[in-house]
Amino acid sequence: MTNNSFNTRDRLTVDDTTYTIHRLDRIGGSQRLPYSLKVMLENLLRNEDGELVTAEQIGAVAGWRSDATPYQEIQYTPARVLMQDFTGVPCVVDLVAMRDAIIDLGGDPQRINP
């Protein structure tokens, strides 16, 4: 289970399906962030575990200023990666090769899951 240090976790129900979401509006100043940093902030909130993703990292992104010098690295755990067609094909070929290698080693190819 992930942490919820900033009390942003909430539920959204659409057509009888309930989703867990993180409300950025519960973090003061988040409305001023560029869209790309809002995506990064939501990712950190969703993955906060107190070890790889910490409240300090979330606070650093939430308090971002364009004129400030970066002072901390943050963990980024993407759920999806979008690629152009010409870069996506080699990636899929690599995934197939990794699955074949797992089979050759006696493992479960389902562990290689994009």
PDB file of N, CA and C in Angstrom:
ATOM      1  N   MET A   1       0.843  -1.177   0.000  1.00  0.00           N
ATOM      2  CA  MET A   1       0.000   0.000   0.000  1.00  0.00           C
ATOM      3  C   MET A   1       0.889   1.241   0.000  1.00  0.00           C
ATOM      4  N   THR A   2       0.476   2.232  -0.732  1.00  0.00           N
ATOM      5  CA  THR A   2       1.246   3.465  -0.796  1.00  0.00           C
ATOM      6  C   THR A   2       0.859   4.402   0.335  1.00  0.00           C
ATOM      7  N   ASN A   3       1.775   5.314   0.638  1.00  0.00           N
ATOM      8  CA  ASN A   3       1.506   6.335   1.643  1.00  0.00           C
ATOM      9  C   ASN A   3       0.579   7.396   1.066  1.00  0.00           C
ATOM     10  N   ASN A   4       0.053   8.233   1.928  1.00  0.00           N
ATOM     11  CA  ASN A   4      -0.835   9.316   1.513  1.00  0.00           C
ATOM     12  C   ASN A   4      -0.519  10.548   2.359  1.00  0.00           C
ATOM     13  N   SER A   5       0.751  10.940   2.379  1.00  0.00           N
ATOM     14  CA  SER A   5       1.231  12.000   3.264  1.00  0.00           C
ATOM     15  C   SER A   5       0.540  13.337   3.054  1.00  0.00           C
ATOM     16  N   PHE A   6       0.062  13.593   1.851  1.00  0.00           N
ATOM     17  CA  PHE A   6      -0.537  14.884   1.545  1.00  0.00           C
ATOM     18  C   PHE A   6      -2.066  14.816   1.483  1.00  0.00           C
ATOM     19  N   ASN A   7      -2.629  13.681   1.903  1.00  0.00           N
ATOM     20  CA  ASN A   7      -4.084  13.488   1.937  1.00  0.00           C
ATOM     21  C   ASN A   7      -4.740  13.805   0.591  1.00  0.00           C
ATOM     22  N   THR A   8      -4.141  13.311  -0.472  1.00  0.00           N
ATOM     23  CA  THR A   8      -4.666  13.570  -1.811  1.00  0.00           C
ATOM     24  C   THR A   8      -5.484  12.411  -2.365  1.00  0.00           C
ATOM     25  N   ARG A   9      -5.378  11.248  -1.751  1.00  0.00           N
ATOM     26  CA  ARG A   9      -6.078  10.072  -2.273  1.00  0.00           C
ATOM     27  C   ARG A   9      -7.580  10.253  -2.122  1.00  0.00           C
ATOM     28  N   ASP A  10      -8.293   9.914  -3.191  1.00  0.00           N
ATOM     29  CA  ASP A  10      -9.748  10.034  -3.204  1.00  0.00           C
ATOM     30  C   ASP A  10     -10.300   8.959  -4.129  1.00  0.00           C
ATOM     31  N   ARG A  11     -11.604   8.891  -4.207  1.00  0.00           N
ATOM     32  CA  ARG A  11     -12.277   7.919  -5.082  1.00  0.00           C
ATOM     33  C   ARG A  11     -13.134   8.668  -6.091  1.00  0.00           C
ATOM     34  N   LEU A  12     -13.191   8.120  -7.285  1.00  0.00           N
ATOM     35  CA  LEU A  12     -14.027   8.656  -8.352  1.00  0.00           C
ATOM     36  C   LEU A  12     -14.811   7.487  -8.926  1.00  0.00           C
ATOM     37  N   THR A  13     -16.128   7.605  -8.952  1.00  0.00           N
ATOM     38  CA  THR A  13     -16.968   6.539  -9.484  1.00  0.00           C
ATOM     39  C   THR A  13     -17.580   6.991 -10.803  1.00  0.00           C
ATOM     40  N   VAL A  14     -17.404   6.152 -11.822  1.00  0.00           N
ATOM     41  CA  VAL A  14     -17.949   6.410 -13.148  1.00  0.00           C
ATOM     42  C   VAL A  14     -18.619   5.132 -13.620  1.00  0.00           C
ATOM     43  N   ASP A  15     -19.911   5.194 -13.897  1.00  0.00           N
ATOM     44  CA  ASP A  15     -20.654   4.029 -14.401  1.00  0.00           C
ATOM     45  C   ASP A  15     -20.413   2.781 -13.557  1.00  0.00           C
ATOM     46  N   ASP A  16     -20.603   2.879 -12.282  1.00  0.00           N
ATOM     47  CA  ASP A  16     -20.487   1.757 -11.343  1.00  0.00           C
ATOM     48  C   ASP A  16     -19.066   1.213 -11.177  1.00  0.00           C
ATOM     49  N   THR A  17     -18.084   1.911 -11.699  1.00  0.00           N
ATOM     50  CA  THR A  17     -16.692   1.528 -11.495  1.00  0.00           C
ATOM     51  C   THR A  17     -16.023   2.611 -10.660  1.00  0.00           C
ATOM     52  N   THR A  18     -15.364   2.193  -9.585  1.00  0.00           N
ATOM     53  CA  THR A  18     -14.704   3.147  -8.697  1.00  0.00           C
ATOM     54  C   THR A  18     -13.199   3.114  -8.932  1.00  0.00           C
ATOM     55  N   TYR A  19     -12.628   4.291  -9.080  1.00  0.00           N
ATOM     56  CA  TYR A  19     -11.199   4.452  -9.329  1.00  0.00           C
ATOM     57  C   TYR A  19     -10.566   5.190  -8.155  1.00  0.00           C
ATOM     58  N   THR A  20      -9.321   4.852  -7.853  1.00  0.00           N
ATOM     59  CA  THR A  20      -8.546   5.614  -6.883  1.00  0.00           C
ATOM     60  C   THR A  20      -7.806   6.700  -7.646  1.00  0.00           C
ATOM     61  N   ILE A  21      -7.953   7.938  -7.182  1.00  0.00           N
ATOM     62  CA  ILE A  21      -7.297   9.074  -7.825  1.00  0.00           C
ATOM     63  C   ILE A  21      -6.522   9.858  -6.771  1.00  0.00           C
ATOM     64  N   HIS A  22      -5.690  10.771  -7.226  1.00  0.00           N
ATOM     65  CA  HIS A  22      -4.997  11.703  -6.336  1.00  0.00           C
ATOM     66  C   HIS A  22      -5.341  13.113  -6.789  1.00  0.00           C
ATOM     67  N   ARG A  23      -5.894  13.885  -5.884  1.00  0.00           N
ATOM     68  CA  ARG A  23      -6.365  15.234  -6.175  1.00  0.00           C
ATOM     69  C   ARG A  23      -5.233  16.235  -5.979  1.00  0.00           C
ATOM     70  N   LEU A  24      -4.759  16.783  -7.082  1.00  0.00           N
ATOM     71  CA  LEU A  24      -3.691  17.768  -7.012  1.00  0.00           C
ATOM     72  C   LEU A  24      -4.161  19.061  -6.360  1.00  0.00           C
ATOM     73  N   ASP A  25      -5.457  19.332  -6.416  1.00  0.00           N
ATOM     74  CA  ASP A  25      -5.961  20.574  -5.821  1.00  0.00           C
ATOM     75  C   ASP A  25      -5.836  20.585  -4.297  1.00  0.00           C
ATOM     76  N   ARG A  26      -5.505  19.466  -3.709  1.00  0.00           N
ATOM     77  CA  ARG A  26      -5.283  19.408  -2.261  1.00  0.00           C
ATOM     78  C   ARG A  26      -3.852  19.791  -1.880  1.00  0.00           C
ATOM     79  N   ILE A  27      -3.038  20.042  -2.876  1.00  0.00           N
ATOM     80  CA  ILE A  27      -1.666  20.490  -2.626  1.00  0.00           C
ATOM     81  C   ILE A  27      -1.590  21.955  -3.034  1.00  0.00           C
ATOM     82  N   GLY A  28      -1.375  22.807  -2.054  1.00  0.00           N
ATOM     83  CA  GLY A  28      -1.329  24.238  -2.313  1.00  0.00           C
ATOM     84  C   GLY A  28      -0.302  24.609  -3.364  1.00  0.00           C
ATOM     85  N   GLY A  29      -0.708  25.436  -4.303  1.00  0.00           N
ATOM     86  CA  GLY A  29       0.188  25.918  -5.340  1.00  0.00           C
ATOM     87  C   GLY A  29       0.313  25.018  -6.544  1.00  0.00           C
ATOM     88  N   SER A  30      -0.308  23.857  -6.524  1.00  0.00           N
ATOM     89  CA  SER A  30      -0.141  22.930  -7.654  1.00  0.00           C
ATOM     90  C   SER A  30      -0.757  23.474  -8.939  1.00  0.00           C
ATOM     91  N   GLN A  31      -1.739  24.357  -8.828  1.00  0.00           N
ATOM     92  CA  GLN A  31      -2.384  24.898 -10.026  1.00  0.00           C
ATOM     93  C   GLN A  31      -1.421  25.744 -10.861  1.00  0.00           C
ATOM     94  N   ARG A  32      -0.350  26.249 -10.266  1.00  0.00           N
ATOM     95  CA  ARG A  32       0.603  27.088 -10.996  1.00  0.00           C
ATOM     96  C   ARG A  32       1.680  26.271 -11.719  1.00  0.00           C
ATOM     97  N   LEU A  33       1.739  24.975 -11.451  1.00  0.00           N
ATOM     98  CA  LEU A  33       2.774  24.130 -12.057  1.00  0.00           C
ATOM     99  C   LEU A  33       2.516  23.918 -13.543  1.00  0.00           C
ATOM    100  N   PRO A  34       3.580  23.811 -14.346  1.00  0.00           N
ATOM    101  CA  PRO A  34       3.403  23.416 -15.746  1.00  0.00           C
ATOM    102  C   PRO A  34       2.774  22.020 -15.810  1.00  0.00           C
ATOM    103  N   TYR A  35       2.072  21.745 -16.894  1.00  0.00           N
ATOM    104  CA  TYR A  35       1.367  20.470 -17.034  1.00  0.00           C
ATOM    105  C   TYR A  35       2.308  19.285 -16.825  1.00  0.00           C
ATOM    106  N   SER A  36       3.512  19.346 -17.386  1.00  0.00           N
ATOM    107  CA  SER A  36       4.446  18.217 -17.261  1.00  0.00           C
ATOM    108  C   SER A  36       4.787  17.934 -15.800  1.00  0.00           C
ATOM    109  N   LEU A  37       4.894  18.974 -14.980  1.00  0.00           N
ATOM    110  CA  LEU A  37       5.186  18.759 -13.562  1.00  0.00           C
ATOM    111  C   LEU A  37       3.956  18.276 -12.800  1.00  0.00           C
ATOM    112  N   LYS A  38       2.774  18.617 -13.280  1.00  0.00           N
ATOM    113  CA  LYS A  38       1.555  18.064 -12.665  1.00  0.00           C
ATOM    114  C   LYS A  38       1.500  16.553 -12.889  1.00  0.00           C
ATOM    115  N   VAL A  39       1.885  16.111 -14.080  1.00  0.00           N
ATOM    116  CA  VAL A  39       1.944  14.676 -14.372  1.00  0.00           C
ATOM    117  C   VAL A  39       2.972  14.015 -13.460  1.00  0.00           C
ATOM    118  N   MET A  40       4.133  14.642 -13.308  1.00  0.00           N
ATOM    119  CA  MET A  40       5.185  14.120 -12.429  1.00  0.00           C
ATOM    120  C   MET A  40       4.700  14.075 -10.980  1.00  0.00           C
ATOM    121  N   LEU A  41       4.019  15.120 -10.531  1.00  0.00           N
ATOM    122  CA  LEU A  41       3.516  15.184  -9.158  1.00  0.00           C
ATOM    123  C   LEU A  41       2.498  14.076  -8.904  1.00  0.00           C
ATOM    124  N   GLU A  42       1.585  13.872  -9.839  1.00  0.00           N
ATOM    125  CA  GLU A  42       0.586  12.804  -9.681  1.00  0.00           C
ATOM    126  C   GLU A  42       1.262  11.447  -9.628  1.00  0.00           C
ATOM    127  N   ASN A  43       2.289  11.259 -10.441  1.00  0.00           N
ATOM    128  CA  ASN A  43       3.032   9.999 -10.438  1.00  0.00           C
ATOM    129  C   ASN A  43       3.686   9.757  -9.085  1.00  0.00           C
ATOM    130  N   LEU A  44       4.284  10.776  -8.523  1.00  0.00           N
ATOM    131  CA  LEU A  44       4.916  10.634  -7.210  1.00  0.00           C
ATOM    132  C   LEU A  44       3.879  10.323  -6.136  1.00  0.00           C
ATOM    133  N   LEU A  45       2.746  11.014  -6.167  1.00  0.00           N
ATOM    134  CA  LEU A  45       1.694  10.767  -5.175  1.00  0.00           C
ATOM    135  C   LEU A  45       1.198   9.328  -5.262  1.00  0.00           C
ATOM    136  N   ARG A  46       1.018   8.848  -6.488  1.00  0.00           N
ATOM    137  CA  ARG A  46       0.498   7.502  -6.697  1.00  0.00           C
ATOM    138  C   ARG A  46       1.478   6.430  -6.223  1.00  0.00           C
ATOM    139  N   ASN A  47       2.770   6.743  -6.268  1.00  0.00           N
ATOM    140  CA  ASN A  47       3.794   5.750  -5.936  1.00  0.00           C
ATOM    141  C   ASN A  47       4.514   6.016  -4.619  1.00  0.00           C
ATOM    142  N   GLU A  48       4.041   6.968  -3.829  1.00  0.00           N
ATOM    143  CA  GLU A  48       4.719   7.289  -2.567  1.00  0.00           C
ATOM    144  C   GLU A  48       4.735   6.072  -1.647  1.00  0.00           C
ATOM    145  N   ASP A  49       5.939   5.647  -1.292  1.00  0.00           N
ATOM    146  CA  ASP A  49       6.081   4.494  -0.393  1.00  0.00           C
ATOM    147  C   ASP A  49       6.969   4.803   0.807  1.00  0.00           C
ATOM    148  N   GLY A  50       7.497   6.012   0.871  1.00  0.00           N
ATOM    149  CA  GLY A  50       8.351   6.391   1.987  1.00  0.00           C
ATOM    150  C   GLY A  50       9.796   5.964   1.828  1.00  0.00           C
ATOM    151  N   GLU A  51      10.090   5.182   0.797  1.00  0.00           N
ATOM    152  CA  GLU A  51      11.461   4.726   0.553  1.00  0.00           C
ATOM    153  C   GLU A  51      11.970   5.231  -0.795  1.00  0.00           C
ATOM    154  N   LEU A  52      11.423   4.686  -1.892  1.00  0.00           N
ATOM    155  CA  LEU A  52      11.827   5.163  -3.218  1.00  0.00           C
ATOM    156  C   LEU A  52      11.199   6.514  -3.530  1.00  0.00           C
ATOM    157  N   VAL A  53       9.948   6.666  -3.159  1.00  0.00           N
ATOM    158  CA  VAL A  53       9.239   7.935  -3.348  1.00  0.00           C
ATOM    159  C   VAL A  53       8.861   8.459  -1.973  1.00  0.00           C
ATOM    160  N   THR A  54       9.394   9.625  -1.640  1.00  0.00           N
ATOM    161  CA  THR A  54       9.206  10.173  -0.301  1.00  0.00           C
ATOM    162  C   THR A  54       8.378  11.454  -0.329  1.00  0.00           C
ATOM    163  N   ALA A  55       7.866  11.822   0.832  1.00  0.00           N
ATOM    164  CA  ALA A  55       7.123  13.076   0.969  1.00  0.00           C
ATOM    165  C   ALA A  55       8.022  14.260   0.620  1.00  0.00           C
ATOM    166  N   GLU A  56       9.306  14.152   0.910  1.00  0.00           N
ATOM    167  CA  GLU A  56      10.245  15.230   0.580  1.00  0.00           C
ATOM    168  C   GLU A  56      10.332  15.435  -0.937  1.00  0.00           C
ATOM    169  N   GLN A  57      10.349  14.345  -1.705  1.00  0.00           N
ATOM    170  CA  GLN A  57      10.382  14.459  -3.164  1.00  0.00           C
ATOM    171  C   GLN A  57       9.100  15.107  -3.678  1.00  0.00           C
ATOM    172  N   ILE A  58       7.972  14.700  -3.116  1.00  0.00           N
ATOM    173  CA  ILE A  58       6.691  15.273  -3.529  1.00  0.00           C
ATOM    174  C   ILE A  58       6.672  16.766  -3.228  1.00  0.00           C
ATOM    175  N   GLY A  59       7.139  17.135  -2.047  1.00  0.00           N
ATOM    176  CA  GLY A  59       7.202  18.545  -1.683  1.00  0.00           C
ATOM    177  C   GLY A  59       8.113  19.345  -2.596  1.00  0.00           C
ATOM    178  N   ALA A  60       9.213  18.724  -3.042  1.00  0.00           N
ATOM    179  CA  ALA A  60      10.140  19.409  -3.944  1.00  0.00           C
ATOM    180  C   ALA A  60       9.471  19.730  -5.277  1.00  0.00           C
ATOM    181  N   VAL A  61       8.701  18.789  -5.813  1.00  0.00           N
ATOM    182  CA  VAL A  61       8.007  19.043  -7.078  1.00  0.00           C
ATOM    183  C   VAL A  61       6.872  20.041  -6.863  1.00  0.00           C
ATOM    184  N   ALA A  62       6.115  19.876  -5.799  1.00  0.00           N
ATOM    185  CA  ALA A  62       4.994  20.783  -5.520  1.00  0.00           C
ATOM    186  C   ALA A  62       5.474  22.215  -5.318  1.00  0.00           C
ATOM    187  N   GLY A  63       6.668  22.382  -4.767  1.00  0.00           N
ATOM    188  CA  GLY A  63       7.195  23.713  -4.517  1.00  0.00           C
ATOM    189  C   GLY A  63       8.119  24.227  -5.606  1.00  0.00           C
ATOM    190  N   TRP A  64       8.084  23.611  -6.775  1.00  0.00           N
ATOM    191  CA  TRP A  64       8.972  23.974  -7.875  1.00  0.00           C
ATOM    192  C   TRP A  64       8.857  25.456  -8.220  1.00  0.00           C
ATOM    193  N   ARG A  65      10.023  26.039  -8.482  1.00  0.00           N
ATOM    194  CA  ARG A  65      10.093  27.420  -8.966  1.00  0.00           C
ATOM    195  C   ARG A  65      11.013  27.438 -10.174  1.00  0.00           C
ATOM    196  N   SER A  66      10.626  28.153 -11.199  1.00  0.00           N
ATOM    197  CA  SER A  66      11.418  28.176 -12.432  1.00  0.00           C
ATOM    198  C   SER A  66      12.782  28.827 -12.227  1.00  0.00           C
ATOM    199  N   ASP A  67      12.919  29.684 -11.219  1.00  0.00           N
ATOM    200  CA  ASP A  67      14.184  30.381 -10.997  1.00  0.00           C
ATOM    201  C   ASP A  67      15.074  29.699  -9.957  1.00  0.00           C
ATOM    202  N   ALA A  68      14.641  28.554  -9.448  1.00  0.00           N
ATOM    203  CA  ALA A  68      15.397  27.863  -8.399  1.00  0.00           C
ATOM    204  C   ALA A  68      16.363  26.845  -9.005  1.00  0.00           C
ATOM    205  N   THR A  69      17.431  26.581  -8.292  1.00  0.00           N
ATOM    206  CA  THR A  69      18.387  25.549  -8.687  1.00  0.00           C
ATOM    207  C   THR A  69      17.896  24.210  -8.150  1.00  0.00           C
ATOM    208  N   PRO A  70      17.799  23.190  -9.021  1.00  0.00           N
ATOM    209  CA  PRO A  70      17.368  21.872  -8.529  1.00  0.00           C
ATOM    210  C   PRO A  70      18.308  21.383  -7.434  1.00  0.00           C
ATOM    211  N   TYR A  71      17.741  20.820  -6.382  1.00  0.00           N
ATOM    212  CA  TYR A  71      18.559  20.389  -5.256  1.00  0.00           C
ATOM    213  C   TYR A  71      18.344  18.929  -4.889  1.00  0.00           C
ATOM    214  N   GLN A  72      17.454  18.270  -5.591  1.00  0.00           N
ATOM    215  CA  GLN A  72      17.137  16.905  -5.190  1.00  0.00           C
ATOM    216  C   GLN A  72      16.722  16.075  -6.397  1.00  0.00           C
ATOM    217  N   GLU A  73      17.164  14.816  -6.418  1.00  0.00           N
ATOM    218  CA  GLU A  73      16.691  13.882  -7.432  1.00  0.00           C
ATOM    219  C   GLU A  73      15.373  13.301  -6.964  1.00  0.00           C
ATOM    220  N   ILE A  74      14.538  12.927  -7.919  1.00  0.00           N
ATOM    221  CA  ILE A  74      13.260  12.310  -7.575  1.00  0.00           C
ATOM    222  C   ILE A  74      13.118  11.001  -8.335  1.00  0.00           C
ATOM    223  N   GLN A  75      12.315  10.127  -7.799  1.00  0.00           N
ATOM    224  CA  GLN A  75      12.003   8.843  -8.428  1.00  0.00           C
ATOM    225  C   GLN A  75      10.867   9.065  -9.417  1.00  0.00           C
ATOM    226  N   TYR A  76      10.979   8.499 -10.602  1.00  0.00           N
ATOM    227  CA  TYR A  76       9.881   8.568 -11.565  1.00  0.00           C
ATOM    228  C   TYR A  76       9.567   7.153 -12.004  1.00  0.00           C
ATOM    229  N   THR A  77       8.323   6.759 -11.862  1.00  0.00           N
ATOM    230  CA  THR A  77       7.887   5.404 -12.178  1.00  0.00           C
ATOM    231  C   THR A  77       6.771   5.485 -13.217  1.00  0.00           C
ATOM    232  N   PRO A  78       7.126   5.553 -14.494  1.00  0.00           N
ATOM    233  CA  PRO A  78       6.079   5.707 -15.506  1.00  0.00           C
ATOM    234  C   PRO A  78       5.199   4.470 -15.618  1.00  0.00           C
ATOM    235  N   ALA A  79       3.920   4.703 -15.839  1.00  0.00           N
ATOM    236  CA  ALA A  79       2.977   3.611 -16.048  1.00  0.00           C
ATOM    237  C   ALA A  79       2.821   3.324 -17.539  1.00  0.00           C
ATOM    238  N   ARG A  80       3.083   4.325 -18.349  1.00  0.00           N
ATOM    239  CA  ARG A  80       2.962   4.175 -19.799  1.00  0.00           C
ATOM    240  C   ARG A  80       4.091   4.950 -20.461  1.00  0.00           C
ATOM    241  N   VAL A  81       4.519   4.445 -21.607  1.00  0.00           N
ATOM    242  CA  VAL A  81       5.519   5.145 -22.394  1.00  0.00           C
ATOM    243  C   VAL A  81       4.968   5.247 -23.807  1.00  0.00           C
ATOM    244  N   LEU A  82       4.886   6.457 -24.322  1.00  0.00           N
ATOM    245  CA  LEU A  82       4.421   6.671 -25.686  1.00  0.00           C
ATOM    246  C   LEU A  82       5.632   6.880 -26.575  1.00  0.00           C
ATOM    247  N   MET A  83       5.622   6.198 -27.720  1.00  0.00           N
ATOM    248  CA  MET A  83       6.753   6.297 -28.636  1.00  0.00           C
ATOM    249  C   MET A  83       6.243   6.546 -30.047  1.00  0.00           C
ATOM    250  N   GLN A  84       7.104   7.131 -30.848  1.00  0.00           N
ATOM    251  CA  GLN A  84       6.785   7.251 -32.256  1.00  0.00           C
ATOM    252  C   GLN A  84       6.833   5.860 -32.877  1.00  0.00           C
ATOM    253  N   ASP A  85       6.159   5.685 -33.987  1.00  0.00           N
ATOM    254  CA  ASP A  85       6.106   4.365 -34.621  1.00  0.00           C
ATOM    255  C   ASP A  85       7.489   3.779 -34.871  1.00  0.00           C
ATOM    256  N   PHE A  86       8.410   4.590 -35.369  1.00  0.00           N
ATOM    257  CA  PHE A  86       9.717   4.038 -35.739  1.00  0.00           C
ATOM    258  C   PHE A  86      10.563   3.658 -34.530  1.00  0.00           C
ATOM    259  N   THR A  87      10.251   4.160 -33.341  1.00  0.00           N
ATOM    260  CA  THR A  87      10.987   3.739 -32.150  1.00  0.00           C
ATOM    261  C   THR A  87      10.258   2.634 -31.399  1.00  0.00           C
ATOM    262  N   GLY A  88       8.958   2.526 -31.623  1.00  0.00           N
ATOM    263  CA  GLY A  88       8.172   1.507 -30.934  1.00  0.00           C
ATOM    264  C   GLY A  88       8.457   0.097 -31.420  1.00  0.00           C
ATOM    265  N   VAL A  89       8.723  -0.062 -32.719  1.00  0.00           N
ATOM    266  CA  VAL A  89       8.962  -1.397 -33.277  1.00  0.00           C
ATOM    267  C   VAL A  89      10.207  -2.044 -32.667  1.00  0.00           C
ATOM    268  N   PRO A  90      11.353  -1.361 -32.607  1.00  0.00           N
ATOM    269  CA  PRO A  90      12.507  -1.991 -31.950  1.00  0.00           C
ATOM    270  C   PRO A  90      12.241  -2.332 -30.485  1.00  0.00           C
ATOM    271  N   CYS A  91      11.446  -1.530 -29.823  1.00  0.00           N
ATOM    272  CA  CYS A  91      11.120  -1.808 -28.421  1.00  0.00           C
ATOM    273  C   CYS A  91      10.322  -3.104 -28.306  1.00  0.00           C
ATOM    274  N   VAL A  92       9.342  -3.294 -29.181  1.00  0.00           N
ATOM    275  CA  VAL A  92       8.537  -4.519 -29.161  1.00  0.00           C
ATOM    276  C   VAL A  92       9.418  -5.726 -29.481  1.00  0.00           C
ATOM    277  N   VAL A  93      10.328  -5.579 -30.432  1.00  0.00           N
ATOM    278  CA  VAL A  93      11.252  -6.669 -30.770  1.00  0.00           C
ATOM    279  C   VAL A  93      12.104  -7.026 -29.550  1.00  0.00           C
ATOM    280  N   ASP A  94      12.569  -6.022 -28.815  1.00  0.00           N
ATOM    281  CA  ASP A  94      13.344  -6.280 -27.593  1.00  0.00           C
ATOM    282  C   ASP A  94      12.512  -7.033 -26.559  1.00  0.00           C
ATOM    283  N   LEU A  95      11.251  -6.661 -26.406  1.00  0.00           N
ATOM    284  CA  LEU A  95      10.378  -7.353 -25.451  1.00  0.00           C
ATOM    285  C   LEU A  95      10.191  -8.817 -25.839  1.00  0.00           C
ATOM    286  N   VAL A  96      10.003  -9.074 -27.133  1.00  0.00           N
ATOM    287  CA  VAL A  96       9.854 -10.453 -27.609  1.00  0.00           C
ATOM    288  C   VAL A  96      11.137 -11.238 -27.340  1.00  0.00           C
ATOM    289  N   ALA A  97      12.282 -10.624 -27.594  1.00  0.00           N
ATOM    290  CA  ALA A  97      13.564 -11.299 -27.340  1.00  0.00           C
ATOM    291  C   ALA A  97      13.737 -11.601 -25.851  1.00  0.00           C
ATOM    292  N   MET A  98      13.321 -10.665 -24.993  1.00  0.00           N
ATOM    293  CA  MET A  98      13.428 -10.914 -23.545  1.00  0.00           C
ATOM    294  C   MET A  98      12.505 -12.053 -23.123  1.00  0.00           C
ATOM    295  N   ARG A  99      11.311 -12.113 -23.698  1.00  0.00           N
ATOM    296  CA  ARG A  99      10.396 -13.220 -23.368  1.00  0.00           C
ATOM    297  C   ARG A  99      10.984 -14.554 -23.814  1.00  0.00           C
ATOM    298  N   ASP A 100      11.576 -14.586 -25.016  1.00  0.00           N
ATOM    299  CA  ASP A 100      12.213 -15.818 -25.495  1.00  0.00           C
ATOM    300  C   ASP A 100      13.350 -16.240 -24.569  1.00  0.00           C
ATOM    301  N   ALA A 101      14.132 -15.270 -24.105  1.00  0.00           N
ATOM    302  CA  ALA A 101      15.247 -15.584 -23.203  1.00  0.00           C
ATOM    303  C   ALA A 101      14.738 -16.131 -21.874  1.00  0.00           C
ATOM    304  N   ILE A 102      13.651 -15.577 -21.369  1.00  0.00           N
ATOM    305  CA  ILE A 102      13.062 -16.071 -20.110  1.00  0.00           C
ATOM    306  C   ILE A 102      12.600 -17.519 -20.280  1.00  0.00           C
ATOM    307  N   ILE A 103      11.976 -17.825 -21.416  1.00  0.00           N
ATOM    308  CA  ILE A 103      11.529 -19.201 -21.688  1.00  0.00           C
ATOM    309  C   ILE A 103      12.737 -20.136 -21.722  1.00  0.00           C
ATOM    310  N   ASP A 104      13.813 -19.718 -22.427  1.00  0.00           N
ATOM    311  CA  ASP A 104      15.027 -20.538 -22.509  1.00  0.00           C
ATOM    312  C   ASP A 104      15.630 -20.809 -21.133  1.00  0.00           C
ATOM    313  N   LEU A 105      15.446 -19.879 -20.207  1.00  0.00           N
ATOM    314  CA  LEU A 105      15.979 -20.033 -18.847  1.00  0.00           C
ATOM    315  C   LEU A 105      15.001 -20.726 -17.908  1.00  0.00           C
ATOM    316  N   GLY A 106      13.843 -21.146 -18.450  1.00  0.00           N
ATOM    317  CA  GLY A 106      12.862 -21.865 -17.640  1.00  0.00           C
ATOM    318  C   GLY A 106      11.951 -20.967 -16.826  1.00  0.00           C
ATOM    319  N   GLY A 107      11.889 -19.693 -17.175  1.00  0.00           N
ATOM    320  CA  GLY A 107      11.055 -18.756 -16.426  1.00  0.00           C
ATOM    321  C   GLY A 107       9.708 -18.511 -17.086  1.00  0.00           C
ATOM    322  N   ASP A 108       8.929 -17.676 -16.468  1.00  0.00           N
ATOM    323  CA  ASP A 108       7.588 -17.328 -16.942  1.00  0.00           C
ATOM    324  C   ASP A 108       7.669 -16.094 -17.835  1.00  0.00           C
ATOM    325  N   PRO A 109       7.367 -16.228 -19.133  1.00  0.00           N
ATOM    326  CA  PRO A 109       7.465 -15.080 -20.039  1.00  0.00           C
ATOM    327  C   PRO A 109       6.467 -13.967 -19.713  1.00  0.00           C
ATOM    328  N   GLN A 110       5.443 -14.272 -18.940  1.00  0.00           N
ATOM    329  CA  GLN A 110       4.466 -13.247 -18.553  1.00  0.00           C
ATOM    330  C   GLN A 110       5.076 -12.206 -17.610  1.00  0.00           C
ATOM    331  N   ARG A 111       6.240 -12.523 -17.050  1.00  0.00           N
ATOM    332  CA  ARG A 111       6.913 -11.549 -16.179  1.00  0.00           C
ATOM    333  C   ARG A 111       7.445 -10.367 -16.977  1.00  0.00           C
ATOM    334  N   ILE A 112       7.651 -10.564 -18.278  1.00  0.00           N
ATOM    335  CA  ILE A 112       8.053  -9.463 -19.159  1.00  0.00           C
ATOM    336  C   ILE A 112       6.757  -8.861 -19.676  1.00  0.00           C
ATOM    337  N   ASN A 113       6.337  -7.806 -19.027  1.00  0.00           N
ATOM    338  CA  ASN A 113       5.032  -7.218 -19.318  1.00  0.00           C
ATOM    339  C   ASN A 113       5.194  -5.724 -19.539  1.00  0.00           C
ATOM    340  N   PRO A 114       4.985  -5.297 -20.779  1.00  0.00           N
ATOM    341  CA  PRO A 114       5.129  -3.860 -21.034  1.00  0.00           C
ATOM    342  C   PRO A 114       4.033  -3.125 -20.326  1.00  0.00           C
TER     343      PRO A 114
END
